[in-house]
Amino acid sequence: MKTPAAAAAPSARPATRVAFAALHHRAYRAYFSFTLCSMMADNIEHVISYWVIFQAFHSPLLGGYAVISHWVPFLLFSVYSGTLADRFDCRRLLQISQAMYIVVSLAWGLLFLTGSLQVWHAVVLLLVHGLAGVLLAPATQMLIHDIVGPEYLQSAVRLNATGRQLGILLGPAVGGGLMLALGPPAGLLANALIYLPLTLWLQAMPYTGHTREGARGGRAGGFGLGEAVRVLREVSADRTIVAMAALAGLSALLVGNAFQAQMPEYANDLGTDEAGFAYSALLAANATGAVIGGLVLEGTGLLRPRARTAIICASLWCLAIAGFAAARSYPLALGLLFLAGIFNLAFSSMAQTLVQLLAPGHLRGRVIGLFNMSQNGLRFGSGVTVGVLGSVIGIHWSLGLSAAALLVVTLGLLAFVAPRDTSASPYGPAGLRLAPGDDRR
């Protein structure tokens, strides 16, 4: 009897370039659609809940905590959540994370509706929301790997990243519409319903995150940096995994998305008359670049997943960000942020793909967790390199110097992977290098 993975697998080797390859899988089309709703709901919740926090407390400290509570759980618990994804049915982990999101949205709405919201409520809800994101990440990546297989994994990862950026674009618009139409409390209650399609669909979906692998991971993992070091030691012989984790972590630590928090000041410094519009347009330019870039890359089948290609795209991202920091022309700044969005999506999705493909099957969840810890958990550091340093030397200089430092690092990583990444021969169908035991020809 065929497994779900075997039933869904293409009967022939796919062409080298297949437009929107992952969408050729019926299960992935449904998964992508429902996940897009969930990503949009996540951003709607951010838009409304941050407004609620501001209206209720007018506390910059609480606003800062909102950012910290979102990223620090990735630093502490990402590898452990990867262990859970190795050991358990990833559908159930996703359903638990969706239930956590639903509870948080309902709690915000009810507390604000009854006028009983207190600071400690906000602290707990923001933390629960961050933990839901940590639980979600490795299970999501393992599930899409299970659905599409290694041949189309880059397409699935890139489409997921594109969908995330689309959620960032749509979330504020839909969230603002819900606030205007229903008011913040009812808008948050309605938002909880947007998480339901994915939650319910997962109940019937046959993939578990493990149907292609057979056995699941063994031992339970620990928490925090100690467990991350243990996982890193187990994969340290593979330079590509090490380089991609380092690329994700150092780009998050040095630049990350901290420049977005400083965007109002960048808009003001560019001398635009309507600073509010300029601020929104600059943020939208970055997200739009990622969405359009993802669609173009998927439609053309460009950029096979190679470590060198990912590092080169990261270097181009550094140049675009440094150029934005130095720009004195508003149209030029918009264009550079648009390009930065394209390059960021290209290198981050490619790095994620390579890590998943090369990770040993029994460690895949933990290795994905390690990558997520680097990519997301270290973002708190960019608040220092861009924000705190910017308060001393100016945000244009801090962002420019951080991007320049990262550029130097990427050149070092390029030299690090060069001995291992000089030939296309180890790559399987569609140009993808396959992990041991993952030859699906």
Protein backbone atom coordinates (compact mmCIF):
# COMPACT_ATOMS: atom_id res chain seq x y z
CA MET A 1 0.00 0.00 0.00
CA LYS A 2 1.37 3.39 -0.94
CA THR A 3 2.23 5.91 1.72
CA PRO A 4 0.83 9.45 1.33
CA ALA A 5 4.27 10.60 0.25
CA ALA A 6 4.57 7.94 -2.39
CA ALA A 7 1.10 8.62 -3.70
CA ALA A 8 1.83 12.32 -4.07
CA ALA A 9 5.30 11.95 -5.56
CA PRO A 10 5.69 12.70 -9.27
CA SER A 11 6.10 9.58 -11.39
CA ALA A 12 8.96 11.07 -13.39
CA ARG A 13 11.95 13.18 -12.50
CA PRO A 14 10.89 16.84 -12.59
CA ALA A 15 12.40 19.23 -15.06
CA THR A 16 15.32 21.35 -13.93
CA ARG A 17 13.12 24.43 -13.75
CA VAL A 18 9.45 24.12 -12.84
CA ALA A 19 7.42 27.26 -12.25
CA PHE A 20 5.73 27.24 -8.83
CA ALA A 21 6.83 23.63 -8.47
CA ALA A 22 5.41 23.02 -4.98
CA LEU A 23 1.96 24.12 -6.11
CA HIS A 24 1.85 21.06 -8.39
CA HIS A 25 1.10 19.10 -5.20
CA ARG A 26 -2.57 19.28 -4.31
CA ALA A 27 -1.93 18.94 -0.58
CA TYR A 28 0.62 21.75 -0.64
CA ARG A 29 -1.81 24.05 -2.49
CA ALA A 30 -4.33 23.60 0.31
CA TYR A 31 -1.66 23.92 2.98
CA PHE A 32 -0.29 27.12 1.44
CA SER A 33 -3.76 28.70 1.23
CA PHE A 34 -4.69 27.91 4.82
CA THR A 35 -1.25 28.89 6.13
CA LEU A 36 -1.52 32.23 4.35
CA CYS A 37 -4.74 32.87 6.31
CA SER A 38 -2.97 32.00 9.54
CA MET A 39 0.00 34.26 8.75
CA MET A 40 -2.38 37.10 7.96
CA ALA A 41 -4.23 36.51 11.24
CA ASP A 42 -0.91 36.66 13.12
CA ASN A 43 -0.18 40.09 11.64
CA ILE A 44 -3.75 41.30 12.21
CA GLU A 45 -3.35 40.40 15.86
CA HIS A 46 -0.09 42.36 16.03
CA VAL A 47 -1.71 45.43 14.48
CA ILE A 48 -4.73 45.48 16.80
CA SER A 49 -3.06 44.27 20.00
CA TYR A 50 -0.21 46.79 19.73
CA TRP A 51 -2.80 49.54 19.29
CA VAL A 52 -4.70 48.20 22.32
CA ILE A 53 -1.50 48.19 24.42
CA PHE A 54 -0.71 51.76 23.41
CA GLN A 55 -4.22 52.99 24.15
CA ALA A 56 -4.40 51.21 27.49
CA PHE A 57 -0.95 51.91 28.93
CA HIS A 58 0.98 54.41 26.74
CA SER A 59 4.08 52.45 27.77
CA PRO A 60 7.19 52.41 25.54
CA LEU A 61 8.63 49.81 27.92
CA LEU A 62 5.73 47.45 27.26
CA GLY A 63 6.12 48.08 23.54
CA GLY A 64 9.77 47.06 23.82
CA TYR A 65 8.79 43.98 25.77
CA ALA A 66 6.42 43.05 22.94
CA VAL A 67 9.42 42.76 20.61
CA ILE A 68 11.62 40.95 23.14
CA SER A 69 8.90 38.44 24.06
CA HIS A 70 8.46 37.63 20.38
CA TRP A 71 12.12 36.79 19.63
CA VAL A 72 13.77 35.62 22.86
CA PRO A 73 11.67 32.40 23.01
CA PHE A 74 13.21 31.49 19.64
CA LEU A 75 16.65 31.82 21.21
CA LEU A 76 15.78 29.65 24.22
CA PHE A 77 13.39 27.03 22.89
CA SER A 78 13.89 26.61 19.12
CA VAL A 79 16.07 23.50 19.35
CA TYR A 80 13.70 21.92 21.88
CA SER A 81 10.71 22.60 19.61
CA GLY A 82 12.73 20.91 16.86
CA THR A 83 13.09 17.90 19.15
CA LEU A 84 9.32 17.82 19.56
CA ALA A 85 8.93 17.95 15.76
CA ASP A 86 11.34 14.99 15.48
CA ARG A 87 9.40 12.92 18.02
CA PHE A 88 5.74 13.75 17.49
CA ASP A 89 3.12 14.23 14.77
CA CYS A 90 3.80 17.68 13.32
CA ARG A 91 0.10 18.17 12.54
CA ARG A 92 -0.70 18.08 16.22
CA LEU A 93 2.09 20.50 17.09
CA LEU A 94 0.73 22.93 14.50
CA GLN A 95 -2.78 22.54 15.89
CA ILE A 96 -1.50 23.28 19.39
CA SER A 97 0.26 26.41 18.16
CA GLN A 98 -2.88 27.54 16.32
CA ALA A 99 -4.94 26.93 19.48
CA MET A 100 -2.48 29.13 21.39
CA TYR A 101 -2.89 31.91 18.83
CA ILE A 102 -6.68 31.59 19.03
CA VAL A 103 -6.66 31.76 22.83
CA VAL A 104 -4.45 34.86 22.75
CA SER A 105 -6.69 36.65 20.23
CA LEU A 106 -9.81 35.78 22.23
CA ALA A 107 -8.18 36.87 25.49
CA TRP A 108 -7.12 40.24 24.04
CA GLY A 109 -10.63 40.82 22.72
CA LEU A 110 -12.44 39.81 25.92
CA LEU A 111 -10.10 41.71 28.25
CA PHE A 112 -10.36 44.87 26.19
CA LEU A 113 -14.13 44.46 25.74
CA THR A 114 -14.65 44.22 29.50
CA GLY A 115 -12.14 46.95 30.30
CA SER A 116 -10.20 44.58 32.59
CA LEU A 117 -6.85 44.48 30.73
CA GLN A 118 -3.89 44.87 33.10
CA VAL A 119 -0.16 44.98 32.46
CA TRP A 120 0.42 41.43 33.66
CA HIS A 121 -2.26 40.21 31.23
CA ALA A 122 -0.39 41.86 28.36
CA VAL A 123 2.94 40.39 29.54
CA VAL A 124 1.55 36.84 29.65
CA LEU A 125 -0.33 37.07 26.35
CA LEU A 126 2.67 38.44 24.48
CA LEU A 127 4.83 35.62 25.86
CA VAL A 128 2.29 32.93 24.91
CA HIS A 129 2.14 34.38 21.40
CA GLY A 130 5.93 34.17 21.11
CA LEU A 131 5.98 30.56 22.36
CA ALA A 132 3.32 29.62 19.79
CA GLY A 133 5.61 30.90 17.06
CA VAL A 134 8.51 28.80 18.37
CA LEU A 135 6.40 25.64 18.44
CA LEU A 136 5.11 26.33 14.95
CA ALA A 137 8.38 26.83 13.04
CA PRO A 138 10.13 23.41 12.94
CA ALA A 139 6.84 21.50 12.59
CA THR A 140 5.90 23.68 9.62
CA GLN A 141 9.19 23.07 7.83
CA MET A 142 9.10 19.32 8.43
CA LEU A 143 5.52 19.11 7.24
CA ILE A 144 6.16 20.88 3.93
CA HIS A 145 9.23 18.65 3.40
CA ASP A 146 7.00 15.65 3.94
CA ILE A 147 4.37 16.93 1.50
CA VAL A 148 6.54 17.92 -1.45
CA GLY A 149 9.72 15.89 -0.91
CA PRO A 150 13.29 17.05 -1.49
CA GLU A 151 12.76 17.72 -5.20
CA TYR A 152 10.42 20.64 -4.67
CA LEU A 153 11.50 21.71 -1.21
CA GLN A 154 13.09 25.00 -2.26
CA SER A 155 9.87 25.96 -4.04
CA ALA A 156 7.82 25.17 -0.94
CA VAL A 157 10.16 27.05 1.41
CA ARG A 158 10.27 30.05 -0.92
CA LEU A 159 6.49 30.09 -1.33
CA ASN A 160 6.09 29.91 2.45
CA ALA A 161 8.45 32.88 2.86
CA THR A 162 6.55 34.75 0.14
CA GLY A 163 3.27 34.00 1.90
CA ARG A 164 4.71 35.32 5.16
CA GLN A 165 5.60 38.61 3.46
CA LEU A 166 2.16 38.73 1.84
CA GLY A 167 0.66 38.31 5.31
CA ILE A 168 2.79 41.25 6.49
CA LEU A 169 1.38 43.34 3.63
CA LEU A 170 -2.25 42.27 4.07
CA GLY A 171 -2.32 42.08 7.87
CA PRO A 172 -2.22 45.83 8.57
CA ALA A 173 -4.84 46.54 5.89
CA VAL A 174 -7.24 43.85 7.10
CA GLY A 175 -6.50 44.61 10.77
CA GLY A 176 -7.18 48.29 10.23
CA GLY A 177 -10.40 47.43 8.42
CA LEU A 178 -11.55 45.19 11.27
CA MET A 179 -10.83 47.93 13.81
CA LEU A 180 -12.82 50.45 11.79
CA ALA A 181 -15.72 48.11 11.03
CA LEU A 182 -16.05 46.24 14.33
CA GLY A 183 -13.86 48.08 16.83
CA PRO A 184 -10.69 46.61 18.39
CA PRO A 185 -12.34 44.11 20.79
CA ALA A 186 -14.68 42.59 18.20
CA GLY A 187 -11.92 42.75 15.59
CA LEU A 188 -9.70 40.59 17.80
CA LEU A 189 -12.54 38.14 18.46
CA ALA A 190 -13.23 37.89 14.72
CA ASN A 191 -9.53 37.41 14.04
CA ALA A 192 -9.55 34.20 16.07
CA LEU A 193 -11.79 32.67 13.39
CA ILE A 194 -9.15 33.21 10.70
CA TYR A 195 -6.90 30.65 12.41
CA LEU A 196 -9.58 27.94 12.19
CA PRO A 197 -9.28 26.81 8.51
CA LEU A 198 -5.69 25.59 8.95
CA THR A 199 -6.47 24.07 12.36
CA LEU A 200 -9.41 22.05 11.02
CA TRP A 201 -7.77 21.04 7.74
CA LEU A 202 -4.80 19.56 9.59
CA GLN A 203 -7.16 17.09 11.26
CA ALA A 204 -7.76 15.30 7.95
CA MET A 205 -4.44 15.90 6.20
CA PRO A 206 -2.51 12.57 5.92
CA TYR A 207 1.06 13.90 6.24
CA THR A 208 2.68 13.84 9.67
CA GLY A 209 6.11 15.29 8.94
CA HIS A 210 7.59 11.77 9.11
CA THR A 211 5.98 9.65 6.37
CA ARG A 212 9.08 9.96 4.16
CA GLU A 213 11.49 9.24 6.99
CA GLY A 214 9.95 6.25 8.74
CA ALA A 215 11.45 6.34 12.24
CA ARG A 216 11.35 9.47 14.32
CA GLY A 217 14.09 11.05 16.37
CA GLY A 218 15.08 9.31 19.58
CA ARG A 219 16.16 11.07 22.70
CA ALA A 220 14.53 14.13 24.18
CA GLY A 221 16.44 17.37 23.80
CA GLY A 222 17.36 20.08 26.25
CA PHE A 223 16.77 23.80 26.28
CA GLY A 224 18.75 26.81 25.21
CA LEU A 225 22.32 27.22 24.06
CA GLY A 226 23.65 23.97 25.53
CA GLU A 227 21.37 21.85 23.37
CA ALA A 228 22.13 24.04 20.36
CA VAL A 229 25.85 23.39 20.83
CA ARG A 230 25.24 19.63 21.04
CA VAL A 231 23.24 19.65 17.79
CA LEU A 232 25.84 21.81 16.09
CA ARG A 233 28.57 19.34 17.05
CA GLU A 234 26.61 16.50 15.47
CA VAL A 235 26.41 18.28 12.10
CA SER A 236 29.72 20.15 12.28
CA ALA A 237 31.31 17.98 9.58
CA ASP A 238 28.94 19.50 6.99
CA ARG A 239 30.31 22.92 6.11
CA THR A 240 27.15 23.93 4.27
CA ILE A 241 24.88 23.42 7.30
CA VAL A 242 27.33 25.30 9.52
CA ALA A 243 27.70 28.13 7.01
CA MET A 244 23.95 28.52 6.45
CA ALA A 245 23.23 28.57 10.19
CA ALA A 246 26.01 31.12 10.64
CA LEU A 247 24.70 33.21 7.74
CA ALA A 248 21.18 33.25 9.22
CA GLY A 249 22.41 34.00 12.73
CA LEU A 250 24.91 36.73 11.89
CA SER A 251 22.54 38.51 9.52
CA ALA A 252 19.91 38.48 12.29
CA LEU A 253 22.38 39.61 14.95
CA LEU A 254 23.98 42.46 12.99
CA VAL A 255 21.09 43.80 10.87
CA GLY A 256 17.95 41.68 11.27
CA ASN A 257 14.81 43.73 10.88
CA ALA A 258 15.77 46.36 13.48
CA PHE A 259 15.87 49.06 10.81
CA GLN A 260 12.09 48.72 10.46
CA ALA A 261 11.59 50.01 14.01
CA GLN A 262 13.66 53.08 13.06
CA MET A 263 11.76 53.66 9.80
CA PRO A 264 9.86 56.77 11.00
CA GLU A 265 13.19 58.53 11.58
CA TYR A 266 14.57 57.40 8.21
CA ALA A 267 11.43 58.76 6.55
CA ASN A 268 11.79 62.07 8.38
CA ASP A 269 15.48 62.35 7.48
CA LEU A 270 14.68 61.81 3.81
CA GLY A 271 12.88 65.16 3.95
CA THR A 272 9.44 64.01 2.84
CA ASP A 273 6.51 66.28 3.58
CA GLU A 274 4.11 63.52 4.54
CA ALA A 275 6.20 61.51 6.99
CA GLY A 276 3.34 59.15 7.84
CA PHE A 277 2.85 58.13 4.23
CA ALA A 278 6.60 57.95 3.65
CA TYR A 279 7.04 55.66 6.65
CA SER A 280 4.31 53.27 5.47
CA ALA A 281 5.63 53.26 1.92
CA LEU A 282 9.17 52.43 3.02
CA LEU A 283 7.95 49.45 5.05
CA ALA A 284 5.71 48.34 2.19
CA ALA A 285 8.58 48.60 -0.33
CA ASN A 286 10.61 46.02 1.58
CA ALA A 287 7.72 43.56 1.93
CA THR A 288 6.59 44.14 -1.68
CA GLY A 289 10.10 43.38 -2.92
CA ALA A 290 10.04 40.08 -1.05
CA VAL A 291 6.60 39.14 -2.43
CA ILE A 292 7.36 40.08 -6.02
CA GLY A 293 10.84 38.59 -5.80
CA GLY A 294 9.42 35.32 -4.51
CA LEU A 295 6.83 35.19 -7.30
CA VAL A 296 9.39 36.00 -10.00
CA LEU A 297 11.90 33.44 -8.69
CA GLU A 298 9.17 30.81 -8.48
CA GLY A 299 7.73 31.67 -11.89
CA THR A 300 11.10 31.45 -13.60
CA GLY A 301 12.59 28.63 -11.56
CA LEU A 302 15.77 30.66 -11.04
CA LEU A 303 18.45 30.25 -8.36
CA ARG A 304 19.13 26.64 -7.50
CA PRO A 305 19.90 26.13 -3.82
CA ARG A 306 23.67 26.38 -3.41
CA ALA A 307 25.59 27.70 -0.45
CA ARG A 308 27.60 30.09 -2.60
CA THR A 309 24.46 31.48 -4.26
CA ALA A 310 22.83 32.05 -0.86
CA ILE A 311 25.92 33.88 0.42
CA ILE A 312 26.15 36.04 -2.72
CA CYS A 313 22.48 37.01 -2.36
CA ALA A 314 23.15 37.88 1.30
CA SER A 315 26.08 40.06 0.19
CA LEU A 316 23.83 41.88 -2.27
CA TRP A 317 21.32 42.36 0.57
CA CYS A 318 24.08 43.97 2.65
CA LEU A 319 24.90 46.35 -0.21
CA ALA A 320 21.24 47.29 -0.65
CA ILE A 321 20.79 47.94 3.08
CA ALA A 322 24.01 49.97 3.28
CA GLY A 323 22.88 51.95 0.23
CA PHE A 324 19.55 52.64 1.90
CA ALA A 325 21.32 53.86 5.04
CA ALA A 326 23.34 56.31 2.93
CA ALA A 327 20.51 57.37 0.59
CA ARG A 328 19.41 60.98 0.58
CA SER A 329 16.81 60.54 -2.15
CA TYR A 330 13.40 59.15 -1.21
CA PRO A 331 12.81 57.33 -4.55
CA LEU A 332 16.30 55.79 -4.30
CA ALA A 333 15.57 54.64 -0.74
CA LEU A 334 12.33 53.00 -1.90
CA GLY A 335 14.13 51.22 -4.73
CA LEU A 336 16.92 49.94 -2.49
CA LEU A 337 14.45 48.60 0.09
CA PHE A 338 12.56 46.88 -2.72
CA LEU A 339 15.80 45.19 -3.85
CA ALA A 340 16.66 44.35 -0.24
CA GLY A 341 13.33 42.51 0.06
CA ILE A 342 14.15 40.40 -3.00
CA PHE A 343 17.67 39.50 -1.85
CA ASN A 344 16.55 38.78 1.72
CA LEU A 345 13.87 36.35 0.60
CA ALA A 346 16.29 34.70 -1.83
CA PHE A 347 19.11 34.01 0.62
CA SER A 348 16.99 33.17 3.66
CA SER A 349 14.75 30.67 1.83
CA MET A 350 17.76 29.10 0.11
CA ALA A 351 19.61 28.73 3.41
CA GLN A 352 16.54 27.11 4.99
CA THR A 353 16.23 24.70 2.06
CA LEU A 354 19.87 23.61 2.21
CA VAL A 355 19.73 23.02 5.96
CA GLN A 356 16.64 20.83 5.62
CA LEU A 357 18.00 18.83 2.72
CA LEU A 358 21.38 18.14 4.26
CA ALA A 359 20.23 17.47 7.84
CA PRO A 360 20.27 13.77 8.86
CA GLY A 361 16.72 12.45 8.93
CA HIS A 362 16.74 11.56 12.63
CA LEU A 363 18.00 15.08 13.52
CA ARG A 364 16.07 17.13 10.99
CA GLY A 365 13.72 18.81 13.45
CA ARG A 366 16.54 19.74 15.82
CA VAL A 367 18.70 21.08 12.99
CA ILE A 368 15.76 23.15 11.75
CA GLY A 369 15.32 24.34 15.33
CA LEU A 370 18.99 25.34 15.43
CA PHE A 371 18.54 27.28 12.20
CA ASN A 372 15.42 29.00 13.55
CA MET A 373 17.27 29.89 16.75
CA SER A 374 19.95 31.56 14.62
CA GLN A 375 17.58 33.21 12.16
CA ASN A 376 15.02 34.47 14.67
CA GLY A 377 16.38 34.22 18.21
CA LEU A 378 19.47 36.33 17.50
CA ARG A 379 17.43 39.21 16.12
CA PHE A 380 17.41 40.80 19.53
CA GLY A 381 21.07 41.68 18.92
CA SER A 382 20.20 43.94 16.00
CA GLY A 383 18.38 46.14 18.47
CA VAL A 384 21.84 46.88 19.90
CA THR A 385 23.86 47.11 16.69
CA VAL A 386 21.30 49.27 14.88
CA GLY A 387 19.15 50.81 17.63
CA VAL A 388 21.36 51.37 20.69
CA LEU A 389 24.45 52.18 18.61
CA GLY A 390 22.26 54.44 16.47
CA SER A 391 21.37 56.51 19.51
CA VAL A 392 25.09 57.27 19.86
CA ILE A 393 26.33 57.71 16.29
CA GLY A 394 23.06 58.11 14.36
CA ILE A 395 20.86 55.42 12.84
CA HIS A 396 22.20 55.93 9.31
CA TRP A 397 25.77 55.25 10.46
CA SER A 398 24.78 52.35 12.72
CA LEU A 399 22.81 50.61 9.96
CA GLY A 400 25.51 51.27 7.36
CA LEU A 401 28.31 49.99 9.59
CA SER A 402 26.29 46.92 10.62
CA ALA A 403 25.61 46.09 6.98
CA ALA A 404 29.30 46.60 6.14
CA ALA A 405 30.37 44.30 8.98
CA LEU A 406 27.94 41.65 7.76
CA LEU A 407 29.29 42.00 4.23
CA VAL A 408 32.78 41.19 5.52
CA VAL A 409 31.38 38.15 7.32
CA THR A 410 29.60 36.91 4.17
CA LEU A 411 32.87 37.10 2.22
CA GLY A 412 34.50 34.98 4.92
CA LEU A 413 31.67 32.43 4.69
CA LEU A 414 32.09 32.34 0.92
CA ALA A 415 35.70 31.27 1.39
CA PHE A 416 34.62 28.77 4.08
CA VAL A 417 32.19 26.88 1.80
CA ALA A 418 34.20 27.18 -1.43
CA PRO A 419 36.01 23.83 -1.11
CA ARG A 420 32.66 22.05 -0.70
CA ASP A 421 30.52 23.97 -3.17
CA THR A 422 32.43 23.98 -6.44
CA SER A 423 30.54 21.32 -8.39
CA ALA A 424 26.92 20.69 -9.35
CA SER A 425 27.45 16.92 -9.37
CA PRO A 426 26.16 16.23 -5.82
CA TYR A 427 22.80 17.80 -6.69
CA GLY A 428 19.74 15.75 -7.41
CA PRO A 429 16.55 16.58 -9.36
CA ALA A 430 15.90 20.27 -9.93
CA GLY A 431 19.43 21.06 -8.82
CA LEU A 432 18.89 20.07 -5.18
CA ARG A 433 21.53 18.32 -3.12
CA LEU A 434 19.92 15.40 -1.33
CA ALA A 435 20.56 14.25 2.20
CA PRO A 436 21.65 10.64 2.75
CA GLY A 437 18.67 8.38 2.14
CA ASP A 438 16.71 11.10 0.37
CA ASP A 439 17.30 9.99 -3.23
CA ARG A 440 13.76 10.08 -4.65
CA ARG A 441 14.60 9.50 -8.30
